[in-house]
């Protein structure tokens, strides 16, 4: 990537929410956590490395920077901010999920993606060999999703979220950004 002129590399760990950085591969057991991945990439390249996955507070930002990251990419922590376009059902799941448990699942798209564990994941298994191939899984689950969401239920919805939902707060994105950067000065 560096030899191709890429300006920076995003090192996305297994903890990240949504679809994987290596979306085209099914092998989830070869994915590393952010704090194992970042220093390996930093040692291998001479361009900035941006850490992503599981970072939800100022201590996580500091840890990533200590490991050599030039910056961080944070997604899940911003999902309850008023500026986020997070749906009502998704917001409720983020606020009410017991321990914020997330898992990798192929049920919603046909490819592994991390989301909040809900009814369909518990009942069909997170990685289901019978799930339709990408992109057919999305339309296969659509009727269940629509019915559930019409009743304010996320039981059949892709509730994408990273492994660390503890940083989700109903505060402005600007205030959250200030909090995340507070330990980096």
N, C-alpha and C. Protein backbone atom coordinates (compact mmCIF):
# COMPACT_ATOMS: atom_id res chain seq x y z
N UNK A 1 0.83 -1.20 0.00
CA UNK A 1 0.00 0.00 0.00
C UNK A 1 0.87 1.26 0.00
N UNK A 2 1.91 1.23 0.82
CA UNK A 2 2.80 2.38 0.88
C UNK A 2 3.45 2.63 -0.47
N UNK A 3 3.88 1.59 -1.15
CA UNK A 3 4.53 1.72 -2.44
C UNK A 3 3.57 2.21 -3.52
N UNK A 4 2.28 2.05 -3.30
CA UNK A 4 1.27 2.52 -4.26
C UNK A 4 0.89 3.99 -4.02
N UNK A 5 1.50 4.63 -3.01
CA UNK A 5 1.25 6.04 -2.76
C UNK A 5 0.14 6.33 -1.78
N UNK A 6 -0.29 5.33 -1.06
CA UNK A 6 -1.34 5.54 -0.05
C UNK A 6 -0.82 6.52 1.01
N UNK A 7 -1.66 7.45 1.43
CA UNK A 7 -1.25 8.46 2.41
C UNK A 7 -1.24 7.95 3.84
N UNK A 8 -2.13 7.00 4.16
CA UNK A 8 -2.23 6.47 5.52
C UNK A 8 -2.91 5.11 5.45
N UNK A 9 -2.72 4.32 6.49
CA UNK A 9 -3.35 3.00 6.59
C UNK A 9 -4.24 2.98 7.81
N UNK A 10 -5.47 2.51 7.63
CA UNK A 10 -6.37 2.31 8.77
C UNK A 10 -6.20 0.86 9.21
N UNK A 11 -5.76 0.69 10.44
CA UNK A 11 -5.57 -0.64 11.03
C UNK A 11 -6.83 -0.97 11.82
N UNK A 12 -7.74 -1.70 11.20
CA UNK A 12 -9.03 -2.01 11.82
C UNK A 12 -8.95 -3.35 12.53
N UNK A 13 -9.11 -3.32 13.84
CA UNK A 13 -9.09 -4.54 14.63
C UNK A 13 -10.44 -5.24 14.63
N UNK A 14 -10.41 -6.46 15.10
CA UNK A 14 -11.58 -7.33 15.17
C UNK A 14 -12.72 -6.71 15.97
N UNK A 15 -12.40 -5.78 16.86
CA UNK A 15 -13.41 -5.18 17.72
C UNK A 15 -14.33 -4.21 17.01
N UNK A 16 -13.96 -3.76 15.83
CA UNK A 16 -14.71 -2.73 15.11
C UNK A 16 -16.12 -3.18 14.75
N UNK A 17 -17.04 -2.23 14.74
CA UNK A 17 -18.43 -2.52 14.39
C UNK A 17 -18.65 -2.55 12.89
N UNK A 18 -19.74 -3.16 12.50
CA UNK A 18 -20.11 -3.22 11.09
C UNK A 18 -19.28 -4.23 10.32
N UNK A 19 -19.14 -4.00 9.02
CA UNK A 19 -18.41 -4.93 8.16
C UNK A 19 -16.91 -4.84 8.36
N UNK A 20 -16.25 -5.91 8.09
CA UNK A 20 -14.82 -6.07 8.32
C UNK A 20 -14.01 -5.34 7.26
N UNK A 21 -12.79 -4.99 7.62
CA UNK A 21 -11.86 -4.38 6.68
C UNK A 21 -11.52 -5.33 5.55
N UNK A 22 -11.54 -6.62 5.82
CA UNK A 22 -11.34 -7.58 4.73
C UNK A 22 -12.67 -8.28 4.46
N UNK A 23 -13.57 -7.47 3.96
CA UNK A 23 -14.96 -7.85 3.66
C UNK A 23 -15.07 -9.02 2.69
N UNK A 24 -14.13 -9.14 1.79
CA UNK A 24 -14.23 -10.16 0.75
C UNK A 24 -13.79 -11.55 1.22
N UNK A 25 -13.32 -11.65 2.45
CA UNK A 25 -12.87 -12.94 2.99
C UNK A 25 -13.80 -13.36 4.12
N UNK A 26 -14.06 -14.65 4.20
CA UNK A 26 -14.94 -15.19 5.23
C UNK A 26 -14.21 -15.60 6.52
N UNK A 27 -12.90 -15.77 6.46
CA UNK A 27 -12.16 -16.30 7.61
C UNK A 27 -12.05 -15.27 8.72
N UNK A 28 -12.91 -15.35 9.71
CA UNK A 28 -12.87 -14.38 10.80
C UNK A 28 -11.79 -14.73 11.82
N UNK A 29 -11.31 -15.97 11.82
CA UNK A 29 -10.31 -16.36 12.81
C UNK A 29 -8.92 -15.79 12.51
N UNK A 30 -8.70 -15.18 11.37
CA UNK A 30 -7.39 -14.60 11.07
C UNK A 30 -7.33 -13.11 11.42
N UNK A 31 -8.42 -12.55 11.90
CA UNK A 31 -8.45 -11.14 12.24
C UNK A 31 -7.84 -10.91 13.63
N UNK A 32 -7.08 -9.84 13.75
CA UNK A 32 -6.44 -9.48 15.02
C UNK A 32 -7.19 -8.36 15.71
N UNK A 33 -6.97 -8.26 17.01
CA UNK A 33 -7.46 -7.13 17.76
C UNK A 33 -6.63 -5.89 17.45
N UNK A 34 -7.21 -4.74 17.68
CA UNK A 34 -6.55 -3.47 17.35
C UNK A 34 -5.18 -3.32 17.99
N UNK A 35 -5.08 -3.67 19.26
CA UNK A 35 -3.83 -3.42 19.98
C UNK A 35 -2.73 -4.42 19.65
N UNK A 36 -3.05 -5.51 18.96
CA UNK A 36 -2.04 -6.41 18.42
C UNK A 36 -1.67 -5.97 17.01
N UNK A 37 -2.65 -5.49 16.27
CA UNK A 37 -2.47 -5.14 14.86
C UNK A 37 -1.69 -3.83 14.66
N UNK A 38 -2.04 -2.80 15.41
CA UNK A 38 -1.45 -1.46 15.20
C UNK A 38 0.07 -1.47 15.27
N UNK A 39 0.69 -2.00 16.34
CA UNK A 39 2.16 -1.91 16.38
C UNK A 39 2.85 -2.70 15.27
N UNK A 40 2.23 -3.78 14.82
CA UNK A 40 2.82 -4.56 13.73
C UNK A 40 2.83 -3.75 12.43
N UNK A 41 1.74 -3.06 12.16
CA UNK A 41 1.68 -2.25 10.94
C UNK A 41 2.60 -1.04 11.06
N UNK A 42 2.62 -0.40 12.24
CA UNK A 42 3.50 0.76 12.45
C UNK A 42 4.96 0.38 12.18
N UNK A 43 5.38 -0.80 12.63
CA UNK A 43 6.76 -1.25 12.41
C UNK A 43 7.04 -1.54 10.93
N UNK A 44 6.01 -1.90 10.18
CA UNK A 44 6.21 -2.34 8.80
C UNK A 44 6.16 -1.23 7.77
N UNK A 45 5.67 -0.04 8.12
CA UNK A 45 5.50 1.02 7.13
C UNK A 45 6.08 2.35 7.62
N UNK A 46 6.21 3.29 6.70
CA UNK A 46 6.71 4.62 7.02
C UNK A 46 5.67 5.69 6.72
N UNK A 47 4.40 5.33 6.78
CA UNK A 47 3.30 6.28 6.60
C UNK A 47 2.42 6.20 7.85
N UNK A 48 1.58 7.20 8.07
CA UNK A 48 0.73 7.20 9.26
C UNK A 48 -0.21 6.00 9.30
N UNK A 49 -0.38 5.47 10.52
CA UNK A 49 -1.30 4.38 10.77
C UNK A 49 -2.40 4.91 11.69
N UNK A 50 -3.64 4.67 11.29
CA UNK A 50 -4.80 5.12 12.06
C UNK A 50 -5.44 3.88 12.70
N UNK A 51 -5.54 3.88 14.01
CA UNK A 51 -6.11 2.74 14.74
C UNK A 51 -7.63 2.82 14.73
N UNK A 52 -8.27 1.67 14.55
CA UNK A 52 -9.74 1.60 14.56
C UNK A 52 -10.18 0.29 15.18
N UNK A 53 -11.25 0.35 15.94
CA UNK A 53 -11.83 -0.86 16.52
C UNK A 53 -11.69 -0.91 18.03
N UNK A 54 -12.79 -0.79 18.72
CA UNK A 54 -12.80 -0.93 20.17
C UNK A 54 -12.34 0.29 20.94
N UNK A 55 -12.10 1.39 20.28
CA UNK A 55 -11.64 2.61 20.95
C UNK A 55 -12.86 3.47 21.26
N UNK A 56 -13.10 3.72 22.55
CA UNK A 56 -14.34 4.40 22.92
C UNK A 56 -14.15 5.50 23.96
N UNK A 57 -12.91 5.72 24.41
CA UNK A 57 -12.69 6.76 25.42
C UNK A 57 -11.27 7.30 25.29
N UNK A 58 -10.96 8.31 26.10
CA UNK A 58 -9.65 8.96 26.02
C UNK A 58 -8.52 8.00 26.33
N UNK A 59 -8.72 7.06 27.26
CA UNK A 59 -7.68 6.09 27.58
C UNK A 59 -7.38 5.19 26.38
N UNK A 60 -8.42 4.80 25.64
CA UNK A 60 -8.22 4.00 24.44
C UNK A 60 -7.47 4.76 23.37
N UNK A 61 -7.79 6.05 23.23
CA UNK A 61 -7.08 6.90 22.27
C UNK A 61 -5.61 6.96 22.66
N UNK A 62 -5.33 7.21 23.94
CA UNK A 62 -3.93 7.28 24.41
C UNK A 62 -3.20 5.97 24.18
N UNK A 63 -3.87 4.85 24.43
CA UNK A 63 -3.25 3.54 24.21
C UNK A 63 -2.87 3.35 22.76
N UNK A 64 -3.77 3.72 21.84
CA UNK A 64 -3.48 3.59 20.41
C UNK A 64 -2.30 4.47 20.01
N UNK A 65 -2.26 5.69 20.53
CA UNK A 65 -1.15 6.59 20.21
C UNK A 65 0.15 6.07 20.79
N UNK A 66 0.10 5.49 21.99
CA UNK A 66 1.29 4.91 22.62
C UNK A 66 1.83 3.76 21.78
N UNK A 67 0.95 3.02 21.13
CA UNK A 67 1.37 1.90 20.28
C UNK A 67 1.89 2.36 18.91
N UNK A 68 1.88 3.67 18.68
CA UNK A 68 2.45 4.21 17.45
C UNK A 68 1.46 4.73 16.43
N UNK A 69 0.17 4.62 16.72
CA UNK A 69 -0.82 5.15 15.78
C UNK A 69 -0.66 6.67 15.69
N UNK A 70 -0.87 7.19 14.50
CA UNK A 70 -0.82 8.64 14.28
C UNK A 70 -2.16 9.29 14.63
N UNK A 71 -3.20 8.48 14.68
CA UNK A 71 -4.54 8.96 14.99
C UNK A 71 -5.46 7.77 15.20
N UNK A 72 -6.72 8.06 15.46
CA UNK A 72 -7.70 7.01 15.67
C UNK A 72 -8.95 7.29 14.84
N UNK A 73 -9.66 6.24 14.53
CA UNK A 73 -10.97 6.34 13.87
C UNK A 73 -11.97 5.73 14.83
N UNK A 74 -12.99 6.49 15.18
CA UNK A 74 -13.97 6.04 16.15
C UNK A 74 -15.35 6.12 15.52
N UNK A 75 -16.13 5.07 15.67
CA UNK A 75 -17.47 5.04 15.10
C UNK A 75 -18.55 4.88 16.15
N UNK A 76 -18.56 3.73 16.82
CA UNK A 76 -19.65 3.38 17.72
C UNK A 76 -19.90 4.43 18.79
N UNK A 77 -18.85 4.98 19.37
CA UNK A 77 -19.02 5.96 20.45
C UNK A 77 -19.88 7.15 20.05
N UNK A 78 -19.92 7.47 18.75
CA UNK A 78 -20.69 8.62 18.27
C UNK A 78 -22.16 8.30 17.95
N UNK A 79 -22.55 7.06 18.05
CA UNK A 79 -23.87 6.66 17.56
C UNK A 79 -25.05 7.21 18.36
N UNK A 80 -24.83 7.64 19.60
CA UNK A 80 -25.92 8.24 20.38
C UNK A 80 -25.88 9.77 20.36
N UNK A 81 -24.88 10.34 19.70
CA UNK A 81 -24.81 11.80 19.60
C UNK A 81 -26.02 12.30 18.81
N UNK A 82 -26.57 13.45 19.17
CA UNK A 82 -27.74 13.96 18.47
C UNK A 82 -27.52 14.15 16.97
N UNK A 83 -26.28 14.40 16.56
CA UNK A 83 -25.99 14.62 15.14
C UNK A 83 -26.02 13.32 14.33
N UNK A 84 -25.92 12.19 15.00
CA UNK A 84 -25.88 10.90 14.30
C UNK A 84 -27.26 10.56 13.74
N UNK A 85 -27.29 9.91 12.61
CA UNK A 85 -28.54 9.51 11.96
C UNK A 85 -28.97 8.11 12.42
N UNK A 86 -28.53 7.70 13.59
CA UNK A 86 -28.87 6.39 14.15
C UNK A 86 -30.38 6.28 14.35
N UNK A 87 -30.97 5.19 13.89
CA UNK A 87 -32.43 5.02 14.00
C UNK A 87 -32.87 4.90 15.47
N UNK A 88 -34.14 5.13 15.71
CA UNK A 88 -34.71 5.02 17.05
C UNK A 88 -34.50 3.61 17.62
N UNK A 89 -34.71 2.59 16.80
CA UNK A 89 -34.55 1.20 17.24
C UNK A 89 -33.08 0.93 17.60
N UNK A 90 -32.19 1.42 16.79
CA UNK A 90 -30.76 1.21 17.02
C UNK A 90 -30.31 1.95 18.28
N UNK A 91 -30.79 3.18 18.46
CA UNK A 91 -30.46 3.94 19.67
C UNK A 91 -30.93 3.20 20.92
N UNK A 92 -32.15 2.67 20.87
CA UNK A 92 -32.70 1.94 22.02
C UNK A 92 -31.83 0.72 22.33
N UNK A 93 -31.41 0.02 21.30
CA UNK A 93 -30.57 -1.16 21.51
C UNK A 93 -29.23 -0.78 22.14
N UNK A 94 -28.64 0.32 21.69
CA UNK A 94 -27.37 0.77 22.27
C UNK A 94 -27.53 1.14 23.74
N UNK A 95 -28.65 1.72 24.08
CA UNK A 95 -28.88 2.14 25.47
C UNK A 95 -29.28 0.98 26.37
N UNK A 96 -29.97 -0.01 25.83
CA UNK A 96 -30.57 -1.05 26.65
C UNK A 96 -29.93 -2.43 26.52
N UNK A 97 -28.93 -2.57 25.67
CA UNK A 97 -28.30 -3.88 25.47
C UNK A 97 -27.57 -4.29 26.74
N UNK A 98 -27.89 -5.47 27.28
CA UNK A 98 -27.20 -5.90 28.49
C UNK A 98 -25.70 -6.07 28.21
N UNK A 99 -24.90 -5.33 28.91
CA UNK A 99 -23.44 -5.30 28.80
C UNK A 99 -22.94 -4.94 27.41
N UNK A 100 -23.80 -4.44 26.54
CA UNK A 100 -23.38 -4.04 25.21
C UNK A 100 -22.79 -5.18 24.41
N UNK A 101 -23.28 -6.39 24.63
CA UNK A 101 -22.71 -7.56 23.96
C UNK A 101 -22.89 -7.48 22.45
N UNK A 102 -21.78 -7.62 21.74
CA UNK A 102 -21.80 -7.64 20.28
C UNK A 102 -21.17 -8.94 19.79
N UNK A 103 -21.43 -9.24 18.55
CA UNK A 103 -20.87 -10.45 17.95
C UNK A 103 -20.72 -10.26 16.45
N UNK A 104 -19.88 -11.09 15.86
CA UNK A 104 -19.77 -11.11 14.40
C UNK A 104 -20.87 -12.01 13.87
N UNK A 105 -21.58 -11.53 12.85
CA UNK A 105 -22.67 -12.30 12.26
C UNK A 105 -22.69 -12.13 10.76
N UNK A 106 -23.18 -13.15 10.07
CA UNK A 106 -23.36 -13.07 8.62
C UNK A 106 -24.84 -13.04 8.24
N UNK A 107 -25.71 -12.95 9.24
CA UNK A 107 -27.15 -13.08 9.00
C UNK A 107 -27.76 -11.92 8.21
N UNK A 108 -27.21 -10.74 8.32
CA UNK A 108 -27.86 -9.56 7.73
C UNK A 108 -27.37 -9.20 6.33
N UNK A 109 -26.15 -9.62 5.99
CA UNK A 109 -25.63 -9.27 4.67
C UNK A 109 -25.03 -10.45 3.92
N UNK A 110 -24.76 -11.53 4.62
CA UNK A 110 -24.08 -12.66 4.02
C UNK A 110 -22.57 -12.61 4.23
N UNK A 111 -22.07 -11.56 4.84
CA UNK A 111 -20.65 -11.39 5.17
C UNK A 111 -20.52 -11.05 6.65
N UNK A 112 -19.42 -11.43 7.29
CA UNK A 112 -19.26 -11.13 8.72
C UNK A 112 -19.25 -9.62 9.00
N UNK A 113 -20.05 -9.24 9.97
CA UNK A 113 -20.11 -7.85 10.44
C UNK A 113 -20.45 -7.89 11.92
N UNK A 114 -19.94 -6.92 12.70
CA UNK A 114 -20.18 -6.90 14.15
C UNK A 114 -21.37 -6.03 14.49
N UNK A 115 -22.27 -6.60 15.30
CA UNK A 115 -23.44 -5.87 15.76
C UNK A 115 -23.89 -6.36 17.12
N UNK A 116 -24.84 -5.64 17.68
CA UNK A 116 -25.40 -6.01 18.98
C UNK A 116 -26.15 -7.32 18.84
N UNK A 117 -25.90 -8.22 19.77
CA UNK A 117 -26.56 -9.53 19.76
C UNK A 117 -28.05 -9.33 20.01
N UNK A 118 -28.87 -9.83 19.09
CA UNK A 118 -30.32 -9.71 19.23
C UNK A 118 -30.97 -11.08 19.01
N UNK A 119 -32.28 -11.11 18.96
CA UNK A 119 -33.03 -12.36 18.89
C UNK A 119 -32.63 -13.24 17.70
N UNK A 120 -32.55 -12.67 16.51
CA UNK A 120 -32.25 -13.49 15.34
C UNK A 120 -30.85 -14.12 15.44
N UNK A 121 -29.91 -13.40 16.00
CA UNK A 121 -28.55 -13.94 16.18
C UNK A 121 -28.58 -15.06 17.21
N UNK A 122 -29.28 -14.84 18.32
CA UNK A 122 -29.36 -15.89 19.36
C UNK A 122 -30.04 -17.15 18.83
N UNK A 123 -31.09 -16.99 18.03
CA UNK A 123 -31.87 -18.15 17.58
C UNK A 123 -31.28 -18.88 16.38
N UNK A 124 -30.59 -18.17 15.48
CA UNK A 124 -30.07 -18.81 14.27
C UNK A 124 -28.57 -19.08 14.31
N UNK A 125 -27.87 -18.54 15.29
CA UNK A 125 -26.42 -18.63 15.42
C UNK A 125 -25.79 -17.45 14.70
N UNK A 126 -24.78 -16.87 15.31
CA UNK A 126 -24.16 -15.67 14.76
C UNK A 126 -23.61 -15.88 13.36
N UNK A 127 -22.82 -16.90 13.18
CA UNK A 127 -22.32 -17.24 11.85
C UNK A 127 -23.08 -18.49 11.43
N UNK A 128 -24.02 -18.29 10.56
CA UNK A 128 -24.95 -19.35 10.15
C UNK A 128 -24.58 -19.84 8.75
N UNK A 129 -24.24 -21.11 8.61
CA UNK A 129 -23.89 -21.62 7.28
C UNK A 129 -25.06 -21.58 6.29
N UNK A 130 -26.28 -21.49 6.80
CA UNK A 130 -27.46 -21.43 5.94
C UNK A 130 -27.85 -20.02 5.53
N UNK A 131 -27.13 -19.02 6.03
CA UNK A 131 -27.44 -17.63 5.64
C UNK A 131 -27.19 -17.47 4.14
N UNK A 132 -28.07 -16.77 3.46
CA UNK A 132 -27.85 -16.54 2.02
C UNK A 132 -26.53 -15.81 1.78
N UNK A 133 -25.94 -16.05 0.62
CA UNK A 133 -24.69 -15.38 0.23
C UNK A 133 -24.92 -13.88 0.11
N UNK A 134 -23.83 -13.12 0.22
CA UNK A 134 -23.88 -11.69 -0.03
C UNK A 134 -24.25 -11.46 -1.49
N UNK A 135 -25.12 -10.56 -1.79
CA UNK A 135 -25.87 -9.64 -0.95
C UNK A 135 -27.30 -10.11 -0.66
N UNK A 136 -27.59 -11.35 -0.94
CA UNK A 136 -28.96 -11.85 -0.84
C UNK A 136 -29.50 -11.90 0.59
N UNK A 137 -28.64 -12.00 1.58
CA UNK A 137 -29.11 -12.08 2.97
C UNK A 137 -29.90 -10.84 3.36
N UNK A 138 -29.51 -9.69 2.85
CA UNK A 138 -30.20 -8.44 3.19
C UNK A 138 -31.67 -8.50 2.81
N UNK A 139 -31.96 -8.94 1.61
CA UNK A 139 -33.37 -9.00 1.19
C UNK A 139 -34.10 -10.16 1.86
N UNK A 140 -33.38 -11.22 2.22
CA UNK A 140 -34.02 -12.37 2.87
C UNK A 140 -34.57 -12.00 4.25
N UNK A 141 -33.85 -11.16 4.97
CA UNK A 141 -34.27 -10.79 6.33
C UNK A 141 -35.14 -9.52 6.34
N UNK A 142 -35.25 -8.84 5.21
CA UNK A 142 -35.97 -7.55 5.14
C UNK A 142 -37.40 -7.60 5.67
N UNK A 143 -38.22 -8.60 5.33
CA UNK A 143 -39.58 -8.61 5.86
C UNK A 143 -39.64 -8.71 7.39
N UNK A 144 -38.77 -9.55 7.97
CA UNK A 144 -38.72 -9.67 9.43
C UNK A 144 -38.27 -8.36 10.06
N UNK A 145 -37.25 -7.75 9.46
CA UNK A 145 -36.73 -6.49 9.95
C UNK A 145 -37.82 -5.42 9.94
N UNK A 146 -38.53 -5.29 8.82
CA UNK A 146 -39.59 -4.27 8.70
C UNK A 146 -40.69 -4.49 9.73
N UNK A 147 -41.10 -5.73 9.90
CA UNK A 147 -42.15 -6.03 10.88
C UNK A 147 -41.69 -5.69 12.29
N UNK A 148 -40.47 -6.07 12.62
CA UNK A 148 -39.94 -5.78 13.95
C UNK A 148 -39.82 -4.29 14.20
N UNK A 149 -39.22 -3.58 13.25
CA UNK A 149 -39.02 -2.14 13.43
C UNK A 149 -40.33 -1.37 13.47
N UNK A 150 -41.37 -1.86 12.79
CA UNK A 150 -42.68 -1.19 12.87
C UNK A 150 -43.27 -1.29 14.27
N UNK A 151 -42.76 -2.24 15.06
CA UNK A 151 -43.18 -2.39 16.46
C UNK A 151 -42.08 -1.95 17.42
N UNK A 152 -41.16 -1.10 16.94
CA UNK A 152 -40.04 -0.59 17.73
C UNK A 152 -39.15 -1.69 18.30
N UNK A 153 -39.00 -2.78 17.56
CA UNK A 153 -38.16 -3.89 17.98
C UNK A 153 -36.96 -4.03 17.05
N UNK A 154 -35.80 -4.24 17.63
CA UNK A 154 -34.60 -4.48 16.86
C UNK A 154 -34.23 -5.95 16.81
N UNK A 155 -35.19 -6.82 17.10
CA UNK A 155 -34.93 -8.26 17.15
C UNK A 155 -34.42 -8.85 15.84
N UNK A 156 -34.74 -8.21 14.72
CA UNK A 156 -34.36 -8.74 13.41
C UNK A 156 -33.61 -7.71 12.57
N UNK A 157 -33.01 -6.73 13.24
CA UNK A 157 -32.32 -5.63 12.56
C UNK A 157 -30.81 -5.74 12.73
N UNK A 158 -30.07 -5.28 11.72
CA UNK A 158 -28.62 -5.21 11.88
C UNK A 158 -28.29 -4.00 12.76
N UNK A 159 -27.90 -4.26 13.97
CA UNK A 159 -27.61 -3.20 14.95
C UNK A 159 -26.10 -3.05 15.05
N UNK A 160 -25.49 -2.55 13.98
CA UNK A 160 -24.04 -2.49 13.91
C UNK A 160 -23.47 -1.69 15.07
N UNK A 161 -22.46 -2.25 15.71
CA UNK A 161 -21.78 -1.60 16.82
C UNK A 161 -20.48 -2.33 17.09
N UNK A 162 -19.49 -1.59 17.52
CA UNK A 162 -18.22 -2.20 17.88
C UNK A 162 -18.31 -2.92 19.21
N UNK A 163 -17.24 -3.61 19.54
CA UNK A 163 -17.21 -4.43 20.74
C UNK A 163 -17.27 -3.58 22.02
N UNK A 164 -16.88 -2.32 21.94
CA UNK A 164 -16.85 -1.47 23.11
C UNK A 164 -17.91 -0.38 22.97
N UNK A 165 -19.10 -0.64 23.49
CA UNK A 165 -20.19 0.34 23.42
C UNK A 165 -20.20 1.27 24.63
N UNK A 166 -19.25 1.10 25.53
CA UNK A 166 -19.24 1.88 26.77
C UNK A 166 -19.07 3.38 26.54
N UNK A 167 -18.52 3.78 25.42
CA UNK A 167 -18.31 5.20 25.15
C UNK A 167 -19.49 5.90 24.53
N UNK A 168 -20.57 5.19 24.25
CA UNK A 168 -21.76 5.81 23.64
C UNK A 168 -22.41 6.75 24.65
N UNK A 169 -22.55 8.01 24.25
CA UNK A 169 -23.15 9.01 25.13
C UNK A 169 -24.08 9.91 24.33
N UNK A 170 -25.13 10.35 24.98
CA UNK A 170 -26.06 11.29 24.35
C UNK A 170 -25.59 12.71 24.59
N UNK A 171 -24.44 13.02 24.01
CA UNK A 171 -23.87 14.36 24.09
C UNK A 171 -23.50 14.77 22.67
N UNK A 172 -23.24 16.05 22.48
CA UNK A 172 -22.90 16.50 21.13
C UNK A 172 -21.61 15.83 20.65
N UNK A 173 -21.50 15.67 19.35
CA UNK A 173 -20.30 15.08 18.78
C UNK A 173 -19.08 15.94 19.11
N UNK A 174 -19.25 17.26 19.15
CA UNK A 174 -18.13 18.14 19.50
C UNK A 174 -17.65 17.87 20.92
N UNK A 175 -18.59 17.74 21.85
CA UNK A 175 -18.23 17.49 23.24
C UNK A 175 -17.56 16.11 23.37
N UNK A 176 -18.09 15.11 22.70
CA UNK A 176 -17.50 13.78 22.74
C UNK A 176 -16.08 13.82 22.18
N UNK A 177 -15.89 14.53 21.08
CA UNK A 177 -14.56 14.64 20.48
C UNK A 177 -13.59 15.29 21.47
N UNK A 178 -14.03 16.33 22.18
CA UNK A 178 -13.19 16.97 23.20
C UNK A 178 -12.83 15.99 24.30
N UNK A 179 -13.80 15.18 24.73
CA UNK A 179 -13.53 14.17 25.76
C UNK A 179 -12.50 13.15 25.29
N UNK A 180 -12.67 12.69 24.05
CA UNK A 180 -11.77 11.67 23.49
C UNK A 180 -10.35 12.21 23.37
N UNK A 181 -10.22 13.49 23.07
CA UNK A 181 -8.90 14.10 22.89
C UNK A 181 -8.29 14.59 24.20
N UNK A 182 -9.05 14.56 25.29
CA UNK A 182 -8.61 15.16 26.54
C UNK A 182 -7.32 14.57 27.09
N UNK A 183 -7.04 13.34 26.86
CA UNK A 183 -5.83 12.74 27.39
C UNK A 183 -4.65 12.77 26.47
N UNK A 184 -4.80 13.39 25.32
CA UNK A 184 -3.73 13.37 24.32
C UNK A 184 -2.85 14.61 24.36
N UNK A 185 -3.18 15.58 25.19
CA UNK A 185 -2.41 16.83 25.24
C UNK A 185 -1.18 16.70 26.10
